[in-house]
Amino acid sequence: MPIILAIESSCDETSVAVCNNGKITANVIANQTIHENYGGVIPELASRVHQQNIVPAVQQALAVSKVDKTQLDAIAFTRGPGLLGSLLVGVSFAKSFALALDLPLISVNHMQAHILAHFIDEPKPKFPFLCLTVSGGHTQIVLVKDYFDMEIVGETLDDAAGEAFDKTAKILNLPYPGGPLIDKYAREGNPHAFKFPEPQIQGLNYSFSGFKTSILYFVRDQKAKDADFVENNLADICASVQHSIVNILINKLKKAAKQYNCSEIAIAGGVSANSGLRAALLGMQETLGWKVYIPAFEYCTDNAAMIAIAGYHKYLAGEFVNQDVAPMAKMEF
């Protein structure tokens, strides 16, 4: 019955979780608000705030789970991908903590962990399944054959879906982070009010750079005719943008499901919290007979619970790393 402490510090959330025999007993997330002043994550500031947050987060996670550090069996941590300075804080703490307690270390791939978040609660997907992983930095369709046997069958060639949401929010002068605000306003608008082009990319890959540019030009041209266009049509613009992005994502996912003859479908990553994407996926469950898996909101954005569950399965497989392990800003599956 292993008890694993997990650390996540890949971007701007400092998160610590405890996994007791496959069950998450604590999942502490310390968000960073300092970046709101700059309209995006500042890497140097993120790493400094991680240094401030990590010890209190560990203490809180242990207290919530009612576990003493002497009861731990292993330390899991995010090795990458992510911001190198942020990763360095988490990896360094994990290595030091493990060394002091004479515990084994477990290295976790952040993107694999997003997918494995589906194994925290019931119902759990059955292998093989397809997972659409969408976040600010990644958009991937992954064929998941086993816990750590995953193949990327489609991915973005440039910008991620999360970037399309955030950049659109910036064009609309919405505060950072803008993705959740677009989702909020979209619920009040007409998704068919404005039409935006869908990138025609071969295979199962995505592209959002041209999509972002089309929104930029659309808003520019409309404001030239009416300076108050955005303010008067904000809900409809947000609803139309969200509808377009979700359609782009779902159309490729449908193509992948047909190509791989797979009806077990999951979503993961920060954008999986988007209400439009969740609704569209549930609609596919009814019309196409998919069995759909959507993570709880707390497991969509970056969190240590997903690192902990990945670490748990690596512990069972005996996959450990040495003290010479180093963080990786870019990390392959």
C-alpha atoms as a PDB file:
ATOM      1  CA  MET A   1       0.000   0.000   0.000  1.00  0.00           C
ATOM      2  CA  PRO A   2       2.420   2.719  -1.192  1.00  0.00           C
ATOM      3  CA  ILE A   3       1.984   6.307  -0.039  1.00  0.00           C
ATOM      4  CA  ILE A   4       3.364   8.718  -2.642  1.00  0.00           C
ATOM      5  CA  LEU A   5       3.932  12.463  -2.391  1.00  0.00           C
ATOM      6  CA  ALA A   6       3.710  14.181  -5.792  1.00  0.00           C
ATOM      7  CA  ILE A   7       4.922  17.610  -6.900  1.00  0.00           C
ATOM      8  CA  GLU A   8       3.772  19.583  -9.947  1.00  0.00           C
ATOM      9  CA  SER A   9       5.500  22.860 -10.923  1.00  0.00           C
ATOM     10  CA  SER A  10       5.582  22.917 -14.710  1.00  0.00           C
ATOM     11  CA  CYS A  11       4.056  26.374 -15.206  1.00  0.00           C
ATOM     12  CA  ASP A  12       2.371  28.750 -12.754  1.00  0.00           C
ATOM     13  CA  GLU A  13       0.609  26.393 -10.335  1.00  0.00           C
ATOM     14  CA  THR A  14       2.488  24.965  -7.373  1.00  0.00           C
ATOM     15  CA  SER A  15       0.667  21.752  -6.543  1.00  0.00           C
ATOM     16  CA  VAL A  16       1.341  18.922  -4.103  1.00  0.00           C
ATOM     17  CA  ALA A  17      -0.729  15.752  -3.740  1.00  0.00           C
ATOM     18  CA  VAL A  18      -0.681  12.567  -1.716  1.00  0.00           C
ATOM     19  CA  CYS A  19      -1.694   9.205  -3.167  1.00  0.00           C
ATOM     20  CA  ASN A  20      -2.405   6.415  -0.667  1.00  0.00           C
ATOM     21  CA  ASN A  21      -2.633   3.025  -2.395  1.00  0.00           C
ATOM     22  CA  GLY A  22      -4.099   4.525  -5.569  1.00  0.00           C
ATOM     23  CA  LYS A  23      -6.466   6.951  -3.821  1.00  0.00           C
ATOM     24  CA  ILE A  24      -5.872  10.695  -3.794  1.00  0.00           C
ATOM     25  CA  THR A  25      -6.107  11.920  -0.203  1.00  0.00           C
ATOM     26  CA  ALA A  26      -4.850  15.484  -0.783  1.00  0.00           C
ATOM     27  CA  ASN A  27      -4.484  17.759  -3.788  1.00  0.00           C
ATOM     28  CA  VAL A  28      -3.225  21.218  -2.840  1.00  0.00           C
ATOM     29  CA  ILE A  29      -2.990  23.830  -5.613  1.00  0.00           C
ATOM     30  CA  ALA A  30      -1.415  27.245  -5.045  1.00  0.00           C
ATOM     31  CA  ASN A  31      -2.303  29.535  -7.949  1.00  0.00           C
ATOM     32  CA  GLN A  32      -0.164  32.507  -8.933  1.00  0.00           C
ATOM     33  CA  THR A  33      -2.035  35.788  -9.431  1.00  0.00           C
ATOM     34  CA  ILE A  34       1.027  37.935 -10.115  1.00  0.00           C
ATOM     35  CA  HIS A  35       0.874  37.181 -13.862  1.00  0.00           C
ATOM     36  CA  GLU A  36      -2.503  38.892 -14.242  1.00  0.00           C
ATOM     37  CA  ASN A  37      -0.636  42.213 -14.289  1.00  0.00           C
ATOM     38  CA  TYR A  38       1.290  41.202 -17.414  1.00  0.00           C
ATOM     39  CA  GLY A  39      -1.332  39.403 -19.509  1.00  0.00           C
ATOM     40  CA  GLY A  40       0.589  36.110 -19.456  1.00  0.00           C
ATOM     41  CA  VAL A  41       2.972  33.951 -17.461  1.00  0.00           C
ATOM     42  CA  ILE A  42       6.376  35.522 -16.764  1.00  0.00           C
ATOM     43  CA  PRO A  43       8.788  32.554 -16.340  1.00  0.00           C
ATOM     44  CA  GLU A  44      11.179  34.249 -13.899  1.00  0.00           C
ATOM     45  CA  LEU A  45       8.337  35.403 -11.655  1.00  0.00           C
ATOM     46  CA  ALA A  46       6.727  31.960 -11.817  1.00  0.00           C
ATOM     47  CA  SER A  47       9.864  30.201 -10.569  1.00  0.00           C
ATOM     48  CA  ARG A  48      10.253  32.679  -7.705  1.00  0.00           C
ATOM     49  CA  VAL A  49       6.668  32.181  -6.542  1.00  0.00           C
ATOM     50  CA  HIS A  50       7.145  28.393  -6.755  1.00  0.00           C
ATOM     51  CA  GLN A  51      10.006  28.756  -4.285  1.00  0.00           C
ATOM     52  CA  GLN A  52       7.699  30.611  -1.909  1.00  0.00           C
ATOM     53  CA  ASN A  53       4.805  28.171  -2.261  1.00  0.00           C
ATOM     54  CA  ILE A  54       6.364  24.727  -2.372  1.00  0.00           C
ATOM     55  CA  VAL A  55       7.173  24.145   1.314  1.00  0.00           C
ATOM     56  CA  PRO A  56       3.767  25.381   2.611  1.00  0.00           C
ATOM     57  CA  ALA A  57       2.027  23.288  -0.101  1.00  0.00           C
ATOM     58  CA  VAL A  58       3.892  20.141   0.975  1.00  0.00           C
ATOM     59  CA  GLN A  59       3.079  20.798   4.612  1.00  0.00           C
ATOM     60  CA  GLN A  60      -0.586  21.342   3.814  1.00  0.00           C
ATOM     61  CA  ALA A  61      -0.853  18.211   1.647  1.00  0.00           C
ATOM     62  CA  LEU A  62       0.651  16.050   4.384  1.00  0.00           C
ATOM     63  CA  ALA A  63      -1.651  17.612   6.992  1.00  0.00           C
ATOM     64  CA  VAL A  64      -4.801  17.181   4.873  1.00  0.00           C
ATOM     65  CA  SER A  65      -3.982  13.540   4.132  1.00  0.00           C
ATOM     66  CA  LYS A  66      -3.010  12.928   7.779  1.00  0.00           C
ATOM     67  CA  VAL A  67       0.308  11.436   6.705  1.00  0.00           C
ATOM     68  CA  ASP A  68       3.676  11.985   8.323  1.00  0.00           C
ATOM     69  CA  LYS A  69       6.672  12.370   6.032  1.00  0.00           C
ATOM     70  CA  THR A  70       8.197   9.245   7.608  1.00  0.00           C
ATOM     71  CA  GLN A  71       5.280   7.207   6.217  1.00  0.00           C
ATOM     72  CA  LEU A  72       6.017   8.115   2.584  1.00  0.00           C
ATOM     73  CA  ASP A  73       7.220   5.407   0.208  1.00  0.00           C
ATOM     74  CA  ALA A  74       8.259   7.537  -2.788  1.00  0.00           C
ATOM     75  CA  ILE A  75       8.394  11.069  -4.204  1.00  0.00           C
ATOM     76  CA  ALA A  76       6.924  11.674  -7.669  1.00  0.00           C
ATOM     77  CA  PHE A  77       7.521  14.873  -9.622  1.00  0.00           C
ATOM     78  CA  THR A  78       6.933  16.507 -12.983  1.00  0.00           C
ATOM     79  CA  ARG A  79      10.135  16.334 -15.006  1.00  0.00           C
ATOM     80  CA  GLY A  80       8.711  18.046 -18.081  1.00  0.00           C
ATOM     81  CA  PRO A  81       7.588  19.470 -20.393  1.00  0.00           C
ATOM     82  CA  GLY A  82       7.186  22.980 -19.018  1.00  0.00           C
ATOM     83  CA  LEU A  83       8.979  26.169 -18.046  1.00  0.00           C
ATOM     84  CA  LEU A  84      12.531  25.193 -17.158  1.00  0.00           C
ATOM     85  CA  GLY A  85      12.840  27.536 -14.162  1.00  0.00           C
ATOM     86  CA  SER A  86       9.528  26.354 -12.725  1.00  0.00           C
ATOM     87  CA  LEU A  87      10.391  22.705 -13.273  1.00  0.00           C
ATOM     88  CA  LEU A  88      13.773  23.239 -11.627  1.00  0.00           C
ATOM     89  CA  VAL A  89      12.110  24.297  -8.373  1.00  0.00           C
ATOM     90  CA  GLY A  90       9.914  21.197  -8.199  1.00  0.00           C
ATOM     91  CA  VAL A  91      12.588  18.745  -9.329  1.00  0.00           C
ATOM     92  CA  SER A  92      15.180  20.164  -6.931  1.00  0.00           C
ATOM     93  CA  PHE A  93      12.788  19.987  -3.993  1.00  0.00           C
ATOM     94  CA  ALA A  94      11.731  16.431  -4.877  1.00  0.00           C
ATOM     95  CA  LYS A  95      15.344  15.282  -5.126  1.00  0.00           C
ATOM     96  CA  SER A  96      16.315  16.921  -1.825  1.00  0.00           C
ATOM     97  CA  PHE A  97      13.235  15.632  -0.003  1.00  0.00           C
ATOM     98  CA  ALA A  98      13.776  12.101  -1.312  1.00  0.00           C
ATOM     99  CA  LEU A  99      17.469  12.207  -0.413  1.00  0.00           C
ATOM    100  CA  ALA A 100      16.759  13.389   3.126  1.00  0.00           C
ATOM    101  CA  LEU A 101      14.162  10.654   3.687  1.00  0.00           C
ATOM    102  CA  ASP A 102      16.051   7.964   1.707  1.00  0.00           C
ATOM    103  CA  LEU A 103      13.093   7.486  -0.651  1.00  0.00           C
ATOM    104  CA  PRO A 104      12.965   6.468  -4.326  1.00  0.00           C
ATOM    105  CA  LEU A 105      12.208   9.091  -6.991  1.00  0.00           C
ATOM    106  CA  ILE A 106       9.583   8.775  -9.723  1.00  0.00           C
ATOM    107  CA  SER A 107       9.826  10.961 -12.832  1.00  0.00           C
ATOM    108  CA  VAL A 108       6.526  11.829 -14.546  1.00  0.00           C
ATOM    109  CA  ASN A 109       5.776  13.246 -17.989  1.00  0.00           C
ATOM    110  CA  HIS A 110       3.329  16.124 -17.519  1.00  0.00           C
ATOM    111  CA  MET A 111       1.320  15.339 -20.660  1.00  0.00           C
ATOM    112  CA  GLN A 112       1.027  11.635 -19.855  1.00  0.00           C
ATOM    113  CA  ALA A 113      -0.166  12.616 -16.386  1.00  0.00           C
ATOM    114  CA  HIS A 114      -3.005  14.707 -17.837  1.00  0.00           C
ATOM    115  CA  ILE A 115      -4.252  11.548 -19.566  1.00  0.00           C
ATOM    116  CA  LEU A 116      -3.757   9.343 -16.512  1.00  0.00           C
ATOM    117  CA  ALA A 117      -5.909  11.745 -14.467  1.00  0.00           C
ATOM    118  CA  HIS A 118      -8.775   9.614 -15.772  1.00  0.00           C
ATOM    119  CA  PHE A 119      -7.625   6.827 -13.460  1.00  0.00           C
ATOM    120  CA  ILE A 120      -8.149   8.873 -10.291  1.00  0.00           C
ATOM    121  CA  ASP A 121     -11.926   8.423 -10.100  1.00  0.00           C
ATOM    122  CA  GLU A 122     -14.563   6.140 -11.540  1.00  0.00           C
ATOM    123  CA  PRO A 123     -15.482   5.486 -14.279  1.00  0.00           C
ATOM    124  CA  LYS A 124     -12.080   4.680 -15.759  1.00  0.00           C
ATOM    125  CA  PRO A 125     -11.539   4.259 -19.525  1.00  0.00           C
ATOM    126  CA  LYS A 126     -10.664   0.885 -20.970  1.00  0.00           C
ATOM    127  CA  PHE A 127      -7.559   0.345 -23.096  1.00  0.00           C
ATOM    128  CA  PRO A 128      -7.179   1.223 -25.869  1.00  0.00           C
ATOM    129  CA  PHE A 129      -8.806   4.658 -25.871  1.00  0.00           C
ATOM    130  CA  LEU A 130      -8.323   7.981 -27.616  1.00  0.00           C
ATOM    131  CA  CYS A 131      -7.614  11.085 -25.553  1.00  0.00           C
ATOM    132  CA  LEU A 132      -7.862  14.642 -26.840  1.00  0.00           C
ATOM    133  CA  THR A 133      -5.382  16.581 -24.720  1.00  0.00           C
ATOM    134  CA  VAL A 134      -5.921  20.316 -24.980  1.00  0.00           C
ATOM    135  CA  SER A 135      -4.150  23.024 -23.003  1.00  0.00           C
ATOM    136  CA  GLY A 136      -2.449  26.374 -23.437  1.00  0.00           C
ATOM    137  CA  GLY A 137       0.685  24.763 -24.793  1.00  0.00           C
ATOM    138  CA  HIS A 138      -0.458  21.478 -26.329  1.00  0.00           C
ATOM    139  CA  THR A 139      -3.184  20.083 -28.551  1.00  0.00           C
ATOM    140  CA  GLN A 140      -2.833  16.353 -29.180  1.00  0.00           C
ATOM    141  CA  ILE A 141      -4.863  13.300 -30.062  1.00  0.00           C
ATOM    142  CA  VAL A 142      -3.269  10.378 -28.245  1.00  0.00           C
ATOM    143  CA  LEU A 143      -3.923   6.659 -28.734  1.00  0.00           C
ATOM    144  CA  VAL A 144      -3.567   5.205 -25.234  1.00  0.00           C
ATOM    145  CA  LYS A 145      -2.766   1.481 -25.343  1.00  0.00           C
ATOM    146  CA  ASP A 146      -1.653   1.115 -21.717  1.00  0.00           C
ATOM    147  CA  TYR A 147      -0.680   3.312 -18.769  1.00  0.00           C
ATOM    148  CA  PHE A 148       2.624   4.303 -20.334  1.00  0.00           C
ATOM    149  CA  ASP A 149       2.182   3.009 -23.881  1.00  0.00           C
ATOM    150  CA  MET A 150       0.864   6.082 -25.688  1.00  0.00           C
ATOM    151  CA  GLU A 151       1.142   7.254 -29.277  1.00  0.00           C
ATOM    152  CA  ILE A 152       0.482  10.787 -30.510  1.00  0.00           C
ATOM    153  CA  VAL A 153      -1.567  10.308 -33.690  1.00  0.00           C
ATOM    154  CA  GLY A 154      -2.374  13.988 -34.238  1.00  0.00           C
ATOM    155  CA  GLU A 155      -1.111  17.301 -32.864  1.00  0.00           C
ATOM    156  CA  THR A 156      -1.004  21.006 -33.591  1.00  0.00           C
ATOM    157  CA  LEU A 157       1.514  22.159 -36.167  1.00  0.00           C
ATOM    158  CA  ASP A 158       1.806  25.591 -34.552  1.00  0.00           C
ATOM    159  CA  ASP A 159      -0.371  27.122 -31.827  1.00  0.00           C
ATOM    160  CA  ALA A 160      -2.473  25.201 -29.332  1.00  0.00           C
ATOM    161  CA  ALA A 161      -6.233  25.506 -28.808  1.00  0.00           C
ATOM    162  CA  GLY A 162      -5.660  27.109 -25.412  1.00  0.00           C
ATOM    163  CA  GLU A 163      -3.527  29.777 -27.076  1.00  0.00           C
ATOM    164  CA  ALA A 164      -6.360  30.478 -29.525  1.00  0.00           C
ATOM    165  CA  PHE A 165      -8.703  31.108 -26.596  1.00  0.00           C
ATOM    166  CA  ASP A 166      -6.206  33.264 -24.694  1.00  0.00           C
ATOM    167  CA  LYS A 167      -5.131  35.321 -27.727  1.00  0.00           C
ATOM    168  CA  THR A 168      -8.762  35.891 -28.691  1.00  0.00           C
ATOM    169  CA  ALA A 169      -9.418  37.143 -25.166  1.00  0.00           C
ATOM    170  CA  LYS A 170      -6.489  39.535 -25.516  1.00  0.00           C
ATOM    171  CA  ILE A 171      -7.840  40.832 -28.839  1.00  0.00           C
ATOM    172  CA  LEU A 172     -11.167  41.431 -27.058  1.00  0.00           C
ATOM    173  CA  ASN A 173      -9.371  43.251 -24.197  1.00  0.00           C
ATOM    174  CA  LEU A 174     -10.397  40.641 -21.631  1.00  0.00           C
ATOM    175  CA  PRO A 175      -8.090  40.214 -18.604  1.00  0.00           C
ATOM    176  CA  TYR A 176      -5.701  37.258 -18.254  1.00  0.00           C
ATOM    177  CA  PRO A 177      -6.405  34.370 -18.081  1.00  0.00           C
ATOM    178  CA  GLY A 178      -8.927  34.939 -20.831  1.00  0.00           C
ATOM    179  CA  GLY A 179      -9.954  31.379 -21.794  1.00  0.00           C
ATOM    180  CA  PRO A 180     -12.383  30.903 -18.875  1.00  0.00           C
ATOM    181  CA  LEU A 181     -13.877  34.356 -19.542  1.00  0.00           C
ATOM    182  CA  ILE A 182     -14.620  33.466 -23.158  1.00  0.00           C
ATOM    183  CA  ASP A 183     -16.380  30.347 -21.860  1.00  0.00           C
ATOM    184  CA  LYS A 184     -18.365  32.480 -19.404  1.00  0.00           C
ATOM    185  CA  TYR A 185     -19.545  35.023 -21.992  1.00  0.00           C
ATOM    186  CA  ALA A 186     -20.149  32.309 -24.595  1.00  0.00           C
ATOM    187  CA  ARG A 187     -22.949  30.873 -22.487  1.00  0.00           C
ATOM    188  CA  GLU A 188     -24.902  34.101 -22.997  1.00  0.00           C
ATOM    189  CA  GLY A 189     -24.270  34.454 -26.742  1.00  0.00           C
ATOM    190  CA  ASN A 190     -25.302  33.024 -30.098  1.00  0.00           C
ATOM    191  CA  PRO A 191     -22.693  30.529 -31.368  1.00  0.00           C
ATOM    192  CA  HIS A 192     -23.856  31.082 -34.965  1.00  0.00           C
ATOM    193  CA  ALA A 193     -23.740  34.879 -34.909  1.00  0.00           C
ATOM    194  CA  PHE A 194     -20.361  35.027 -36.677  1.00  0.00           C
ATOM    195  CA  LYS A 195     -18.568  32.462 -38.786  1.00  0.00           C
ATOM    196  CA  PHE A 196     -14.816  31.863 -38.687  1.00  0.00           C
ATOM    197  CA  PRO A 197     -12.823  29.661 -41.082  1.00  0.00           C
ATOM    198  CA  GLU A 198     -11.837  26.112 -40.138  1.00  0.00           C
ATOM    199  CA  PRO A 199      -8.186  25.330 -41.015  1.00  0.00           C
ATOM    200  CA  GLN A 200      -7.926  22.596 -43.628  1.00  0.00           C
ATOM    201  CA  ILE A 201      -5.034  20.478 -42.340  1.00  0.00           C
ATOM    202  CA  GLN A 202      -4.401  16.986 -43.681  1.00  0.00           C
ATOM    203  CA  GLY A 203      -4.537  13.930 -41.454  1.00  0.00           C
ATOM    204  CA  LEU A 204      -5.273  14.286 -37.749  1.00  0.00           C
ATOM    205  CA  ASN A 205      -3.146  17.377 -37.125  1.00  0.00           C
ATOM    206  CA  TYR A 206      -4.339  20.834 -36.091  1.00  0.00           C
ATOM    207  CA  SER A 207      -3.373  24.431 -36.791  1.00  0.00           C
ATOM    208  CA  PHE A 208      -4.628  27.509 -34.943  1.00  0.00           C
ATOM    209  CA  SER A 209      -2.264  30.272 -36.080  1.00  0.00           C
ATOM    210  CA  GLY A 210      -4.384  31.215 -39.098  1.00  0.00           C
ATOM    211  CA  PHE A 211      -7.542  30.967 -37.025  1.00  0.00           C
ATOM    212  CA  LYS A 212      -6.176  33.517 -34.542  1.00  0.00           C
ATOM    213  CA  THR A 213      -5.230  35.834 -37.405  1.00  0.00           C
ATOM    214  CA  SER A 214      -8.744  35.641 -38.876  1.00  0.00           C
ATOM    215  CA  ILE A 215     -10.216  36.744 -35.540  1.00  0.00           C
ATOM    216  CA  LEU A 216      -7.719  39.607 -35.307  1.00  0.00           C
ATOM    217  CA  TYR A 217      -8.661  40.895 -38.779  1.00  0.00           C
ATOM    218  CA  PHE A 218     -12.384  40.347 -38.147  1.00  0.00           C
ATOM    219  CA  VAL A 219     -12.338  42.444 -34.971  1.00  0.00           C
ATOM    220  CA  ARG A 220     -10.149  45.105 -36.620  1.00  0.00           C
ATOM    221  CA  ASP A 221     -12.487  45.444 -39.604  1.00  0.00           C
ATOM    222  CA  GLN A 222     -15.646  45.529 -37.479  1.00  0.00           C
ATOM    223  CA  LYS A 223     -14.222  48.136 -35.112  1.00  0.00           C
ATOM    224  CA  ALA A 224     -13.344  50.307 -38.102  1.00  0.00           C
ATOM    225  CA  LYS A 225     -17.083  50.421 -38.862  1.00  0.00           C
ATOM    226  CA  ASP A 226     -18.252  50.598 -35.242  1.00  0.00           C
ATOM    227  CA  ALA A 227     -15.850  51.520 -32.429  1.00  0.00           C
ATOM    228  CA  ASP A 228     -18.167  49.863 -29.889  1.00  0.00           C
ATOM    229  CA  PHE A 229     -18.555  46.615 -31.854  1.00  0.00           C
ATOM    230  CA  VAL A 230     -16.776  44.396 -29.316  1.00  0.00           C
ATOM    231  CA  GLU A 231     -18.605  45.838 -26.304  1.00  0.00           C
ATOM    232  CA  ASN A 232     -21.997  45.525 -28.048  1.00  0.00           C
ATOM    233  CA  ASN A 233     -21.396  41.989 -29.331  1.00  0.00           C
ATOM    234  CA  LEU A 234     -19.047  40.439 -26.769  1.00  0.00           C
ATOM    235  CA  ALA A 235     -21.215  37.440 -25.869  1.00  0.00           C
ATOM    236  CA  ASP A 236     -21.920  36.580 -29.529  1.00  0.00           C
ATOM    237  CA  ILE A 237     -18.238  36.912 -30.482  1.00  0.00           C
ATOM    238  CA  CYS A 238     -17.164  34.648 -27.606  1.00  0.00           C
ATOM    239  CA  ALA A 239     -19.869  32.096 -28.388  1.00  0.00           C
ATOM    240  CA  SER A 240     -18.932  32.045 -32.092  1.00  0.00           C
ATOM    241  CA  VAL A 241     -15.205  31.717 -31.402  1.00  0.00           C
ATOM    242  CA  GLN A 242     -15.765  28.938 -28.888  1.00  0.00           C
ATOM    243  CA  HIS A 243     -18.129  27.127 -31.247  1.00  0.00           C
ATOM    244  CA  SER A 244     -15.518  27.284 -34.033  1.00  0.00           C
ATOM    245  CA  ILE A 245     -12.626  26.045 -31.873  1.00  0.00           C
ATOM    246  CA  VAL A 246     -14.714  23.195 -30.464  1.00  0.00           C
ATOM    247  CA  ASN A 247     -15.795  22.182 -33.970  1.00  0.00           C
ATOM    248  CA  ILE A 248     -12.175  22.109 -35.136  1.00  0.00           C
ATOM    249  CA  LEU A 249     -11.229  19.893 -32.179  1.00  0.00           C
ATOM    250  CA  ILE A 250     -14.207  17.537 -32.420  1.00  0.00           C
ATOM    251  CA  ASN A 251     -14.034  17.062 -36.204  1.00  0.00           C
ATOM    252  CA  LYS A 252     -10.489  15.707 -36.005  1.00  0.00           C
ATOM    253  CA  LEU A 253     -11.390  13.596 -32.982  1.00  0.00           C
ATOM    254  CA  LYS A 254     -14.278  12.035 -34.916  1.00  0.00           C
ATOM    255  CA  LYS A 255     -11.896  11.294 -37.763  1.00  0.00           C
ATOM    256  CA  ALA A 256      -9.423   9.655 -35.370  1.00  0.00           C
ATOM    257  CA  ALA A 257     -12.147   7.552 -33.729  1.00  0.00           C
ATOM    258  CA  LYS A 258     -13.213   6.248 -37.121  1.00  0.00           C
ATOM    259  CA  GLN A 259      -9.628   5.644 -38.288  1.00  0.00           C
ATOM    260  CA  TYR A 260      -8.716   3.643 -35.182  1.00  0.00           C
ATOM    261  CA  ASN A 261     -12.165   2.079 -34.741  1.00  0.00           C
ATOM    262  CA  CYS A 262     -12.279   3.353 -31.176  1.00  0.00           C
ATOM    263  CA  SER A 263     -15.374   4.287 -29.167  1.00  0.00           C
ATOM    264  CA  GLU A 264     -13.632   4.916 -25.823  1.00  0.00           C
ATOM    265  CA  ILE A 265     -12.988   8.670 -25.946  1.00  0.00           C
ATOM    266  CA  ALA A 266     -11.507  10.965 -23.295  1.00  0.00           C
ATOM    267  CA  ILE A 267     -10.446  14.600 -22.992  1.00  0.00           C
ATOM    268  CA  ALA A 268      -7.747  16.055 -20.745  1.00  0.00           C
ATOM    269  CA  GLY A 269      -5.825  19.274 -20.088  1.00  0.00           C
ATOM    270  CA  GLY A 270      -6.883  22.770 -19.086  1.00  0.00           C
ATOM    271  CA  VAL A 271      -9.214  23.343 -22.045  1.00  0.00           C
ATOM    272  CA  SER A 272     -11.128  20.165 -21.130  1.00  0.00           C
ATOM    273  CA  ALA A 273     -12.799  22.365 -18.483  1.00  0.00           C
ATOM    274  CA  ASN A 274     -14.463  24.341 -21.294  1.00  0.00           C
ATOM    275  CA  SER A 275     -18.242  23.914 -21.160  1.00  0.00           C
ATOM    276  CA  GLY A 276     -18.628  24.013 -24.943  1.00  0.00           C
ATOM    277  CA  LEU A 277     -16.126  21.200 -25.470  1.00  0.00           C
ATOM    278  CA  ARG A 278     -17.690  19.109 -22.726  1.00  0.00           C
ATOM    279  CA  ALA A 279     -21.180  19.559 -24.156  1.00  0.00           C
ATOM    280  CA  ALA A 280     -20.021  18.700 -27.680  1.00  0.00           C
ATOM    281  CA  LEU A 281     -18.295  15.541 -26.473  1.00  0.00           C
ATOM    282  CA  LEU A 282     -21.369  14.419 -24.546  1.00  0.00           C
ATOM    283  CA  GLY A 283     -23.384  15.034 -27.695  1.00  0.00           C
ATOM    284  CA  MET A 284     -21.085  12.687 -29.598  1.00  0.00           C
ATOM    285  CA  GLN A 285     -21.740  10.068 -26.931  1.00  0.00           C
ATOM    286  CA  GLU A 286     -25.394  10.060 -27.887  1.00  0.00           C
ATOM    287  CA  THR A 287     -25.113  10.421 -31.662  1.00  0.00           C
ATOM    288  CA  LEU A 288     -22.045   8.238 -32.322  1.00  0.00           C
ATOM    289  CA  GLY A 289     -22.281   5.758 -29.466  1.00  0.00           C
ATOM    290  CA  TRP A 290     -19.019   6.860 -27.883  1.00  0.00           C
ATOM    291  CA  LYS A 291     -18.265   6.142 -24.250  1.00  0.00           C
ATOM    292  CA  VAL A 292     -17.004   9.498 -23.082  1.00  0.00           C
ATOM    293  CA  TYR A 293     -14.707  10.258 -20.146  1.00  0.00           C
ATOM    294  CA  ILE A 294     -14.425  13.815 -18.826  1.00  0.00           C
ATOM    295  CA  PRO A 295     -12.224  14.573 -15.801  1.00  0.00           C
ATOM    296  CA  ALA A 296     -13.433  16.490 -12.747  1.00  0.00           C
ATOM    297  CA  PHE A 297     -12.660  20.209 -12.974  1.00  0.00           C
ATOM    298  CA  GLU A 298      -9.894  20.044 -10.351  1.00  0.00           C
ATOM    299  CA  TYR A 299      -8.039  17.489 -12.491  1.00  0.00           C
ATOM    300  CA  CYS A 300      -8.286  19.460 -15.771  1.00  0.00           C
ATOM    301  CA  THR A 301      -5.815  22.257 -15.067  1.00  0.00           C
ATOM    302  CA  ASP A 302      -2.286  21.550 -13.842  1.00  0.00           C
ATOM    303  CA  ASN A 303      -2.439  19.644 -10.556  1.00  0.00           C
ATOM    304  CA  ALA A 304      -0.339  17.199  -8.566  1.00  0.00           C
ATOM    305  CA  ALA A 305      -3.099  14.577  -8.245  1.00  0.00           C
ATOM    306  CA  MET A 306      -2.461  13.524 -11.837  1.00  0.00           C
ATOM    307  CA  ILE A 307       1.273  13.347 -11.094  1.00  0.00           C
ATOM    308  CA  ALA A 308       0.496  11.229  -8.037  1.00  0.00           C
ATOM    309  CA  ILE A 309      -1.667   8.702  -9.901  1.00  0.00           C
ATOM    310  CA  ALA A 310       0.946   8.429 -12.650  1.00  0.00           C
ATOM    311  CA  GLY A 311       3.593   7.997  -9.968  1.00  0.00           C
ATOM    312  CA  TYR A 312       1.505   5.278  -8.329  1.00  0.00           C
ATOM    313  CA  HIS A 313       1.386   3.193 -11.516  1.00  0.00           C
ATOM    314  CA  LYS A 314       5.104   3.755 -12.089  1.00  0.00           C
ATOM    315  CA  TYR A 315       5.759   2.635  -8.502  1.00  0.00           C
ATOM    316  CA  LEU A 316       3.861  -0.604  -9.150  1.00  0.00           C
ATOM    317  CA  ALA A 317       5.935  -1.115 -12.312  1.00  0.00           C
ATOM    318  CA  GLY A 318       9.180  -0.408 -10.432  1.00  0.00           C
ATOM    319  CA  GLU A 319      10.100   2.576 -12.617  1.00  0.00           C
ATOM    320  CA  PHE A 320      12.366   4.852 -10.579  1.00  0.00           C
ATOM    321  CA  VAL A 321      15.055   7.422 -11.424  1.00  0.00           C
ATOM    322  CA  ASN A 322      18.361   8.367  -9.811  1.00  0.00           C
ATOM    323  CA  GLN A 323      19.437  11.594  -8.143  1.00  0.00           C
ATOM    324  CA  ASP A 324      21.141  12.739 -11.339  1.00  0.00           C
ATOM    325  CA  VAL A 325      17.762  13.315 -13.021  1.00  0.00           C
ATOM    326  CA  ALA A 326      17.291  16.827 -14.482  1.00  0.00           C
ATOM    327  CA  PRO A 327      14.186  18.740 -15.634  1.00  0.00           C
ATOM    328  CA  MET A 328      13.362  18.941 -19.344  1.00  0.00           C
ATOM    329  CA  ALA A 329      11.591  21.907 -20.924  1.00  0.00           C
ATOM    330  CA  LYS A 330      10.729  19.687 -23.899  1.00  0.00           C
ATOM    331  CA  MET A 331       9.977  16.044 -23.221  1.00  0.00           C
ATOM    332  CA  GLU A 332       8.789  13.380 -25.606  1.00  0.00           C
ATOM    333  CA  PHE A 333       6.252  10.719 -24.761  1.00  0.00           C
END
